[in-house]
Amino acid sequence: FEAIAAEAQPRLREFNAQELANTAWAFATADVPATELFGAIAAEAQPRIGEFNSQALANTAWAFAKAGVPATELFEAIA
């Protein structure tokens, strides 16, 4: 998972909303600590939150909560 995080993080701008949500979900489901990756996902997702469908929003919120990664601005955008 460390290699995946290292490869994904600089490419997050290329990810669509579903891919951002799926990446966060996968790391949270696997209980892999990836604070830097989650921070980068939050930074990329927050200004693009309008691109997320309801399932992607739910998965993203769940993933951040499960991982215990604070993302106040992201959660405010989701709300």
Protein backbone atom coordinates (compact mmCIF):
# COMPACT_ATOMS: atom_id res chain seq x y z
CA PHE A 1 0.00 0.00 0.00
CA GLU A 2 2.91 2.39 0.60
CA ALA A 3 3.95 2.09 -3.05
CA ILE A 4 0.39 2.72 -4.20
CA ALA A 5 0.14 5.82 -2.00
CA ALA A 6 3.47 7.10 -3.31
CA GLU A 7 2.35 6.65 -6.92
CA ALA A 8 -1.19 7.95 -6.43
CA GLN A 9 -0.48 11.11 -4.48
CA PRO A 10 1.23 13.10 -7.25
CA ARG A 11 -1.43 11.96 -9.74
CA LEU A 12 -4.55 12.85 -7.76
CA ARG A 13 -5.28 15.81 -10.06
CA GLU A 14 -5.85 13.25 -12.82
CA PHE A 15 -8.38 11.29 -10.73
CA ASN A 16 -12.09 11.81 -11.20
CA ALA A 17 -14.40 12.06 -8.20
CA GLN A 18 -15.13 8.33 -8.13
CA GLU A 19 -11.43 7.49 -8.23
CA LEU A 20 -10.69 9.86 -5.35
CA ALA A 21 -13.48 8.29 -3.30
CA ASN A 22 -12.40 4.76 -4.17
CA THR A 23 -8.80 5.45 -3.19
CA ALA A 24 -9.79 6.84 0.20
CA TRP A 25 -12.22 3.95 0.71
CA ALA A 26 -9.60 1.32 -0.15
CA PHE A 27 -7.03 2.65 2.29
CA ALA A 28 -9.60 3.04 5.06
CA THR A 29 -11.03 -0.43 4.48
CA ALA A 30 -7.54 -1.95 4.63
CA ASP A 31 -6.76 0.01 7.83
CA VAL A 32 -3.62 1.37 6.20
CA PRO A 33 -2.39 4.60 7.79
CA ALA A 34 -1.85 7.09 5.00
CA THR A 35 -2.29 10.51 6.55
CA GLU A 36 -0.40 12.33 3.80
CA LEU A 37 -2.42 10.63 1.07
CA PHE A 38 -5.69 11.43 2.85
CA GLY A 39 -4.60 15.05 3.20
CA ALA A 40 -3.85 15.21 -0.50
CA ILE A 41 -7.19 13.58 -1.35
CA ALA A 42 -8.99 16.11 0.85
CA ALA A 43 -7.19 19.01 -0.79
CA GLU A 44 -8.06 17.72 -4.25
CA ALA A 45 -11.65 16.73 -3.45
CA GLN A 46 -12.78 19.79 -1.52
CA PRO A 47 -12.85 22.27 -4.43
CA ARG A 48 -14.32 19.60 -6.72
CA ILE A 49 -17.03 18.37 -4.37
CA GLY A 50 -19.74 19.25 -6.91
CA GLU A 51 -18.39 16.47 -9.14
CA PHE A 52 -19.12 13.80 -6.51
CA ASN A 53 -22.35 11.81 -6.71
CA SER A 54 -24.09 10.84 -3.47
CA GLN A 55 -22.35 7.45 -3.26
CA ALA A 56 -18.90 9.00 -3.74
CA LEU A 57 -19.70 11.61 -1.07
CA ALA A 58 -20.80 8.93 1.38
CA ASN A 59 -17.78 6.74 0.66
CA THR A 60 -15.39 9.65 1.06
CA ALA A 61 -16.92 10.80 4.33
CA TRP A 62 -16.93 7.24 5.67
CA ALA A 63 -13.30 6.67 4.63
CA PHE A 64 -12.03 9.79 6.39
CA ALA A 65 -14.04 8.97 9.52
CA LYS A 66 -12.88 5.34 9.53
CA ALA A 67 -9.26 6.37 9.03
CA GLY A 68 -9.54 8.96 11.80
CA VAL A 69 -8.19 11.67 9.54
CA PRO A 70 -9.54 15.14 10.34
CA ALA A 71 -10.69 17.01 7.25
CA THR A 72 -12.80 19.89 8.49
CA GLU A 73 -12.88 21.81 5.21
CA LEU A 74 -13.76 18.69 3.25
CA PHE A 75 -16.60 17.80 5.62
CA GLU A 76 -17.88 21.38 5.46
CA ALA A 77 -17.89 21.13 1.65
CA ILE A 78 -19.74 17.81 1.81
CA ALA A 79 -22.35 19.27 4.18
